[in-house]
Amino acid sequence: MDTPDEKELTALDHMLNRSTLPYPRLLAVALFLGVLFATFELSGWRDHFSRQFLHDQFLEHRLNGVLIFVLLFSLGNLIQIPGWIFLAAAVLALGRSWGGVVTYLAASISCALTFLSIRLVGGDALRQLTNRPARRLLEQLDGHPIRSVLCLRILFQTAPALNYALAMSGVGFREYMLGTLLGLPLPIALYCLFFDFLARLLHLG
C-alpha cells in the first residue's frame, strides 16, 4: 500500500504528465493570437498594415521607414497579414534590388521573433501528438531539419501557419533559422521580379 508520501509523488507525476499534453498549450497559443489580433483590430493599428502606408514610410523616412517596416512585418506575421503586402511596398518604394534586400532582412527577423514567441507560449505541443500523420511528419523533420525547413520556406515563404507549426514542432532554433535564411532568397527574388514587372506595366511607384 502506498504511503502518503508515495501518493503525493504519484499525484504530482500525474499532474506533470497531464501538463505536457498538447491541448492546453495549443489553447494558450490560440488565446495569445486571438488577443493580439483583437488588440490590433480594436485599436485601429491594423490600418498601418497597408501597402500605401508602408510605401509612404519609405519615401518620407528612409532609415526610420526601414525600422518601421521590420517592426510591422514582425507583428503582421503574428496576426496573419500577408507577406506580399510588405514586399510590394518595399519594391515600389526602393526598387526590386533594395526592396528585396530589406524584405529578406525583415522576413528573417519576423520568422525568428514568431518562432521565439510561439515557442515560449506553446512549447513543443505538436511533439506530443500521437496520430500517425503527425508522427511521420515530425520524423521527417527530425531526420533532415534544415532541408525540411528550407523546402517549406521555398513553398510557403513566411506563412504564419507554417511559423506556428515549426515553432511547436520541437525543431531547434539554429536549424529553423538556417533553413529559413537559405530558403527565403529564391521566392523573395521571384516576387521582386513579379512586382517590379507589375509596377512598370501599371506605372505604379
C-alpha atoms as a PDB file:
ATOM      1  CA  MET A   1       0.000   0.000   0.000  1.00  0.00           C
ATOM      2  CA  ASP A   2       1.315   3.460  -0.923  1.00  0.00           C
ATOM      3  CA  THR A   3       2.462   5.695   1.899  1.00  0.00           C
ATOM      4  CA  PRO A   4       1.172   9.321   1.986  1.00  0.00           C
ATOM      5  CA  ASP A   5       4.491  10.476   0.528  1.00  0.00           C
ATOM      6  CA  GLU A   6       4.247   7.959  -2.309  1.00  0.00           C
ATOM      7  CA  LYS A   7       0.682   9.031  -3.051  1.00  0.00           C
ATOM      8  CA  GLU A   8       1.725  12.661  -3.218  1.00  0.00           C
ATOM      9  CA  LEU A   9       4.558  11.811  -5.598  1.00  0.00           C
ATOM     10  CA  THR A  10       2.185   9.762  -7.765  1.00  0.00           C
ATOM     11  CA  ALA A  11      -0.339  12.617  -7.893  1.00  0.00           C
ATOM     12  CA  LEU A  12       2.409  15.090  -8.765  1.00  0.00           C
ATOM     13  CA  ASP A  13       3.653  12.795 -11.525  1.00  0.00           C
ATOM     14  CA  HIS A  14       0.150  12.585 -12.989  1.00  0.00           C
ATOM     15  CA  MET A  15      -0.170  16.367 -12.915  1.00  0.00           C
ATOM     16  CA  LEU A  16       3.154  16.798 -14.723  1.00  0.00           C
ATOM     17  CA  ASN A  17       2.177  14.243 -17.350  1.00  0.00           C
ATOM     18  CA  ARG A  18      -1.150  15.972 -17.907  1.00  0.00           C
ATOM     19  CA  SER A  19       0.583  19.340 -18.255  1.00  0.00           C
ATOM     20  CA  THR A  20       2.628  18.007 -21.171  1.00  0.00           C
ATOM     21  CA  LEU A  21      -0.461  17.267 -23.246  1.00  0.00           C
ATOM     22  CA  PRO A  22      -0.638  19.437 -26.364  1.00  0.00           C
ATOM     23  CA  TYR A  23      -4.148  20.773 -25.905  1.00  0.00           C
ATOM     24  CA  PRO A  24      -3.563  23.272 -23.075  1.00  0.00           C
ATOM     25  CA  ARG A  25      -0.514  24.584 -24.942  1.00  0.00           C
ATOM     26  CA  LEU A  26      -2.416  24.809 -28.226  1.00  0.00           C
ATOM     27  CA  LEU A  27      -5.249  26.589 -26.455  1.00  0.00           C
ATOM     28  CA  ALA A  28      -2.750  29.029 -24.947  1.00  0.00           C
ATOM     29  CA  VAL A  29      -1.335  29.791 -28.408  1.00  0.00           C
ATOM     30  CA  ALA A  30      -4.827  30.297 -29.843  1.00  0.00           C
ATOM     31  CA  LEU A  31      -5.719  32.617 -26.968  1.00  0.00           C
ATOM     32  CA  PHE A  32      -2.462  34.565 -27.350  1.00  0.00           C
ATOM     33  CA  LEU A  33      -3.005  35.078 -31.083  1.00  0.00           C
ATOM     34  CA  GLY A  34      -6.673  35.914 -30.579  1.00  0.00           C
ATOM     35  CA  VAL A  35      -5.903  38.613 -28.018  1.00  0.00           C
ATOM     36  CA  LEU A  36      -3.165  40.033 -30.245  1.00  0.00           C
ATOM     37  CA  PHE A  37      -5.464  40.097 -33.285  1.00  0.00           C
ATOM     38  CA  ALA A  38      -8.312  41.705 -31.313  1.00  0.00           C
ATOM     39  CA  THR A  39      -5.955  44.340 -29.916  1.00  0.00           C
ATOM     40  CA  PHE A  40      -4.845  45.406 -33.368  1.00  0.00           C
ATOM     41  CA  GLU A  41      -8.381  45.370 -34.743  1.00  0.00           C
ATOM     42  CA  LEU A  42      -9.973  47.362 -31.927  1.00  0.00           C
ATOM     43  CA  SER A  43      -7.123  49.866 -31.625  1.00  0.00           C
ATOM     44  CA  GLY A  44      -7.088  50.656 -35.343  1.00  0.00           C
ATOM     45  CA  TRP A  45      -3.411  49.735 -35.634  1.00  0.00           C
ATOM     46  CA  ARG A  46      -4.273  47.237 -38.359  1.00  0.00           C
ATOM     47  CA  ASP A  47      -4.769  50.203 -40.725  1.00  0.00           C
ATOM     48  CA  HIS A  48      -1.000  50.666 -40.690  1.00  0.00           C
ATOM     49  CA  PHE A  49      -0.554  47.307 -42.407  1.00  0.00           C
ATOM     50  CA  SER A  50      -1.448  48.642 -45.834  1.00  0.00           C
ATOM     51  CA  ARG A  51       0.787  48.813 -48.870  1.00  0.00           C
ATOM     52  CA  GLN A  52       0.253  52.566 -49.190  1.00  0.00           C
ATOM     53  CA  PHE A  53       1.182  53.287 -45.572  1.00  0.00           C
ATOM     54  CA  LEU A  54       4.371  51.217 -45.810  1.00  0.00           C
ATOM     55  CA  HIS A  55       5.244  52.803 -49.151  1.00  0.00           C
ATOM     56  CA  ASP A  56       4.826  56.305 -47.690  1.00  0.00           C
ATOM     57  CA  GLN A  57       7.046  55.465 -44.721  1.00  0.00           C
ATOM     58  CA  PHE A  58       9.878  54.544 -47.062  1.00  0.00           C
ATOM     59  CA  LEU A  59       9.510  57.747 -49.067  1.00  0.00           C
ATOM     60  CA  GLU A  60       9.257  60.063 -46.046  1.00  0.00           C
ATOM     61  CA  HIS A  61      11.808  58.469 -43.720  1.00  0.00           C
ATOM     62  CA  ARG A  62      14.314  56.127 -45.329  1.00  0.00           C
ATOM     63  CA  LEU A  63      16.067  54.860 -42.183  1.00  0.00           C
ATOM     64  CA  ASN A  64      13.043  55.077 -39.892  1.00  0.00           C
ATOM     65  CA  GLY A  65      10.960  53.637 -42.699  1.00  0.00           C
ATOM     66  CA  VAL A  66      13.097  50.506 -42.730  1.00  0.00           C
ATOM     67  CA  LEU A  67      12.808  50.135 -38.959  1.00  0.00           C
ATOM     68  CA  ILE A  68       9.037  50.627 -39.086  1.00  0.00           C
ATOM     69  CA  PHE A  69       8.870  48.143 -41.954  1.00  0.00           C
ATOM     70  CA  VAL A  70      10.754  45.485 -39.976  1.00  0.00           C
ATOM     71  CA  LEU A  71       8.584  46.070 -36.900  1.00  0.00           C
ATOM     72  CA  LEU A  72       5.300  45.917 -38.799  1.00  0.00           C
ATOM     73  CA  PHE A  73       6.431  42.857 -40.767  1.00  0.00           C
ATOM     74  CA  SER A  74       7.227  41.070 -37.498  1.00  0.00           C
ATOM     75  CA  LEU A  75       3.910  41.998 -35.895  1.00  0.00           C
ATOM     76  CA  GLY A  76       1.982  41.398 -39.091  1.00  0.00           C
ATOM     77  CA  ASN A  77       3.357  37.882 -39.357  1.00  0.00           C
ATOM     78  CA  LEU A  78       1.861  37.109 -35.959  1.00  0.00           C
ATOM     79  CA  ILE A  79      -1.607  38.398 -36.862  1.00  0.00           C
ATOM     80  CA  GLN A  80      -1.868  36.832 -40.317  1.00  0.00           C
ATOM     81  CA  ILE A  81      -1.030  39.833 -42.535  1.00  0.00           C
ATOM     82  CA  PRO A  82       0.035  38.512 -45.973  1.00  0.00           C
ATOM     83  CA  GLY A  83       3.753  38.972 -46.607  1.00  0.00           C
ATOM     84  CA  TRP A  84       3.244  40.102 -50.202  1.00  0.00           C
ATOM     85  CA  ILE A  85       1.854  43.440 -48.950  1.00  0.00           C
ATOM     86  CA  PHE A  86       5.199  44.244 -47.350  1.00  0.00           C
ATOM     87  CA  LEU A  87       7.203  43.041 -50.311  1.00  0.00           C
ATOM     88  CA  ALA A  88       5.119  45.029 -52.790  1.00  0.00           C
ATOM     89  CA  ALA A  89       5.531  48.200 -50.725  1.00  0.00           C
ATOM     90  CA  ALA A  90       9.296  47.722 -50.472  1.00  0.00           C
ATOM     91  CA  VAL A  91       9.746  47.027 -54.191  1.00  0.00           C
ATOM     92  CA  LEU A  92       7.621  50.001 -55.263  1.00  0.00           C
ATOM     93  CA  ALA A  93       9.422  52.371 -52.901  1.00  0.00           C
ATOM     94  CA  LEU A  94      13.004  51.087 -53.083  1.00  0.00           C
ATOM     95  CA  GLY A  95      13.172  49.162 -56.340  1.00  0.00           C
ATOM     96  CA  ARG A  96      13.437  45.421 -56.796  1.00  0.00           C
ATOM     97  CA  SER A  97      17.041  45.070 -55.554  1.00  0.00           C
ATOM     98  CA  TRP A  98      16.929  47.108 -52.349  1.00  0.00           C
ATOM     99  CA  GLY A  99      13.288  46.204 -51.819  1.00  0.00           C
ATOM    100  CA  GLY A 100      14.253  42.538 -51.921  1.00  0.00           C
ATOM    101  CA  VAL A 101      17.155  43.023 -49.507  1.00  0.00           C
ATOM    102  CA  VAL A 102      15.037  44.918 -46.981  1.00  0.00           C
ATOM    103  CA  THR A 103      12.233  42.382 -47.259  1.00  0.00           C
ATOM    104  CA  TYR A 104      14.670  39.488 -46.753  1.00  0.00           C
ATOM    105  CA  LEU A 105      16.007  41.169 -43.610  1.00  0.00           C
ATOM    106  CA  ALA A 106      12.521  41.902 -42.274  1.00  0.00           C
ATOM    107  CA  ALA A 107      11.215  38.424 -43.124  1.00  0.00           C
ATOM    108  CA  SER A 108      14.145  36.727 -41.382  1.00  0.00           C
ATOM    109  CA  ILE A 109      13.713  38.805 -38.218  1.00  0.00           C
ATOM    110  CA  SER A 110       9.958  38.249 -38.346  1.00  0.00           C
ATOM    111  CA  CYS A 111      10.355  34.471 -38.575  1.00  0.00           C
ATOM    112  CA  ALA A 112      12.801  34.491 -35.656  1.00  0.00           C
ATOM    113  CA  LEU A 113      10.514  36.577 -33.432  1.00  0.00           C
ATOM    114  CA  THR A 114       7.463  34.497 -34.318  1.00  0.00           C
ATOM    115  CA  PHE A 115       9.345  31.302 -33.508  1.00  0.00           C
ATOM    116  CA  LEU A 116      10.521  32.596 -30.125  1.00  0.00           C
ATOM    117  CA  SER A 117       7.079  33.974 -29.199  1.00  0.00           C
ATOM    118  CA  ILE A 118       5.131  30.858 -30.129  1.00  0.00           C
ATOM    119  CA  ARG A 119       7.735  28.510 -28.640  1.00  0.00           C
ATOM    120  CA  LEU A 120       7.519  30.448 -25.363  1.00  0.00           C
ATOM    121  CA  VAL A 121       3.733  30.060 -25.240  1.00  0.00           C
ATOM    122  CA  GLY A 122       3.210  26.717 -26.975  1.00  0.00           C
ATOM    123  CA  GLY A 123       6.433  24.849 -26.277  1.00  0.00           C
ATOM    124  CA  ASP A 124       6.723  21.721 -28.410  1.00  0.00           C
ATOM    125  CA  ALA A 125       2.998  20.973 -28.267  1.00  0.00           C
ATOM    126  CA  LEU A 126       2.920  19.258 -31.662  1.00  0.00           C
ATOM    127  CA  ARG A 127       5.592  16.855 -30.449  1.00  0.00           C
ATOM    128  CA  GLN A 128       3.010  15.420 -28.044  1.00  0.00           C
ATOM    129  CA  LEU A 129       0.519  14.474 -30.777  1.00  0.00           C
ATOM    130  CA  THR A 130       0.137  10.736 -31.201  1.00  0.00           C
ATOM    131  CA  ASN A 131      -1.651  10.401 -34.551  1.00  0.00           C
ATOM    132  CA  ARG A 132       0.330   8.695 -37.306  1.00  0.00           C
ATOM    133  CA  PRO A 133       0.485  11.502 -39.936  1.00  0.00           C
ATOM    134  CA  ALA A 134       1.801  13.962 -37.349  1.00  0.00           C
ATOM    135  CA  ARG A 135       4.412  11.489 -36.145  1.00  0.00           C
ATOM    136  CA  ARG A 136       5.534  10.790 -39.719  1.00  0.00           C
ATOM    137  CA  LEU A 137       5.956  14.495 -40.477  1.00  0.00           C
ATOM    138  CA  LEU A 138       7.905  15.043 -37.279  1.00  0.00           C
ATOM    139  CA  GLU A 139      10.174  12.100 -38.082  1.00  0.00           C
ATOM    140  CA  GLN A 140      10.989  13.660 -41.465  1.00  0.00           C
ATOM    141  CA  LEU A 141      11.668  16.981 -39.772  1.00  0.00           C
ATOM    142  CA  ASP A 142      13.922  15.282 -37.233  1.00  0.00           C
ATOM    143  CA  GLY A 143      15.829  13.414 -39.914  1.00  0.00           C
ATOM    144  CA  HIS A 144      16.563  16.459 -42.099  1.00  0.00           C
ATOM    145  CA  PRO A 145      15.588  19.608 -40.167  1.00  0.00           C
ATOM    146  CA  ILE A 146      17.464  22.215 -42.208  1.00  0.00           C
ATOM    147  CA  ARG A 147      16.482  20.730 -45.556  1.00  0.00           C
ATOM    148  CA  SER A 148      12.863  20.352 -44.450  1.00  0.00           C
ATOM    149  CA  VAL A 149      12.602  23.967 -43.293  1.00  0.00           C
ATOM    150  CA  LEU A 150      14.371  25.163 -46.477  1.00  0.00           C
ATOM    151  CA  CYS A 151      11.855  23.357 -48.712  1.00  0.00           C
ATOM    152  CA  LEU A 152       8.912  24.616 -46.681  1.00  0.00           C
ATOM    153  CA  ARG A 153      10.200  28.199 -46.951  1.00  0.00           C
ATOM    154  CA  ILE A 154      10.503  27.930 -50.724  1.00  0.00           C
ATOM    155  CA  LEU A 155       6.932  26.666 -50.945  1.00  0.00           C
ATOM    156  CA  PHE A 156       5.195  28.745 -48.276  1.00  0.00           C
ATOM    157  CA  GLN A 157       7.657  31.591 -47.521  1.00  0.00           C
ATOM    158  CA  THR A 158       6.723  33.332 -44.253  1.00  0.00           C
ATOM    159  CA  ALA A 159       3.193  31.930 -43.973  1.00  0.00           C
ATOM    160  CA  PRO A 160       2.135  32.456 -40.332  1.00  0.00           C
ATOM    161  CA  ALA A 161       0.635  28.975 -40.009  1.00  0.00           C
ATOM    162  CA  LEU A 162       3.971  27.464 -41.068  1.00  0.00           C
ATOM    163  CA  ASN A 163       5.818  29.536 -38.483  1.00  0.00           C
ATOM    164  CA  TYR A 164       3.410  28.453 -35.749  1.00  0.00           C
ATOM    165  CA  ALA A 165       3.737  24.779 -36.674  1.00  0.00           C
ATOM    166  CA  LEU A 166       7.528  24.837 -36.859  1.00  0.00           C
ATOM    167  CA  ALA A 167       7.776  26.676 -33.547  1.00  0.00           C
ATOM    168  CA  MET A 168       5.710  23.978 -31.826  1.00  0.00           C
ATOM    169  CA  SER A 169       7.351  21.070 -33.663  1.00  0.00           C
ATOM    170  CA  GLY A 170      10.359  20.920 -31.370  1.00  0.00           C
ATOM    171  CA  VAL A 171      12.835  21.761 -34.147  1.00  0.00           C
ATOM    172  CA  GLY A 172      15.895  23.608 -32.872  1.00  0.00           C
ATOM    173  CA  PHE A 173      16.160  27.368 -33.336  1.00  0.00           C
ATOM    174  CA  ARG A 174      19.518  27.030 -35.151  1.00  0.00           C
ATOM    175  CA  GLU A 175      18.125  24.547 -37.696  1.00  0.00           C
ATOM    176  CA  TYR A 176      14.981  26.623 -38.072  1.00  0.00           C
ATOM    177  CA  MET A 177      16.911  29.797 -38.835  1.00  0.00           C
ATOM    178  CA  LEU A 178      19.415  28.148 -41.181  1.00  0.00           C
ATOM    179  CA  GLY A 179      16.586  26.603 -43.199  1.00  0.00           C
ATOM    180  CA  THR A 180      14.764  29.948 -43.196  1.00  0.00           C
ATOM    181  CA  LEU A 181      17.794  32.003 -44.269  1.00  0.00           C
ATOM    182  CA  LEU A 182      18.596  29.557 -47.075  1.00  0.00           C
ATOM    183  CA  GLY A 183      15.008  29.064 -48.230  1.00  0.00           C
ATOM    184  CA  LEU A 184      13.725  32.654 -48.418  1.00  0.00           C
ATOM    185  CA  PRO A 185      16.010  34.244 -51.080  1.00  0.00           C
ATOM    186  CA  LEU A 186      14.575  32.368 -54.079  1.00  0.00           C
ATOM    187  CA  PRO A 187      10.854  33.102 -53.528  1.00  0.00           C
ATOM    188  CA  ILE A 188      11.594  36.698 -52.480  1.00  0.00           C
ATOM    189  CA  ALA A 189      13.658  37.242 -55.646  1.00  0.00           C
ATOM    190  CA  LEU A 190      10.860  35.842 -57.822  1.00  0.00           C
ATOM    191  CA  TYR A 191       8.252  38.021 -56.116  1.00  0.00           C
ATOM    192  CA  CYS A 192      10.511  41.065 -56.543  1.00  0.00           C
ATOM    193  CA  LEU A 193      10.710  40.454 -60.292  1.00  0.00           C
ATOM    194  CA  PHE A 194       6.949  39.993 -60.459  1.00  0.00           C
ATOM    195  CA  PHE A 195       6.085  43.161 -58.519  1.00  0.00           C
ATOM    196  CA  ASP A 196       8.679  45.176 -60.412  1.00  0.00           C
ATOM    197  CA  PHE A 197       7.188  43.995 -63.706  1.00  0.00           C
ATOM    198  CA  LEU A 198       3.679  44.756 -62.461  1.00  0.00           C
ATOM    199  CA  ALA A 199       4.727  48.230 -61.332  1.00  0.00           C
ATOM    200  CA  ARG A 200       6.244  49.037 -64.717  1.00  0.00           C
ATOM    201  CA  LEU A 201       3.205  47.647 -66.513  1.00  0.00           C
ATOM    202  CA  LEU A 202       0.722  49.656 -64.441  1.00  0.00           C
ATOM    203  CA  HIS A 203       3.011  52.694 -63.955  1.00  0.00           C
ATOM    204  CA  LEU A 204       2.942  52.365 -60.180  1.00  0.00           C
ATOM    205  CA  GLY A 205       5.513  53.841 -57.836  1.00  0.00           C
END
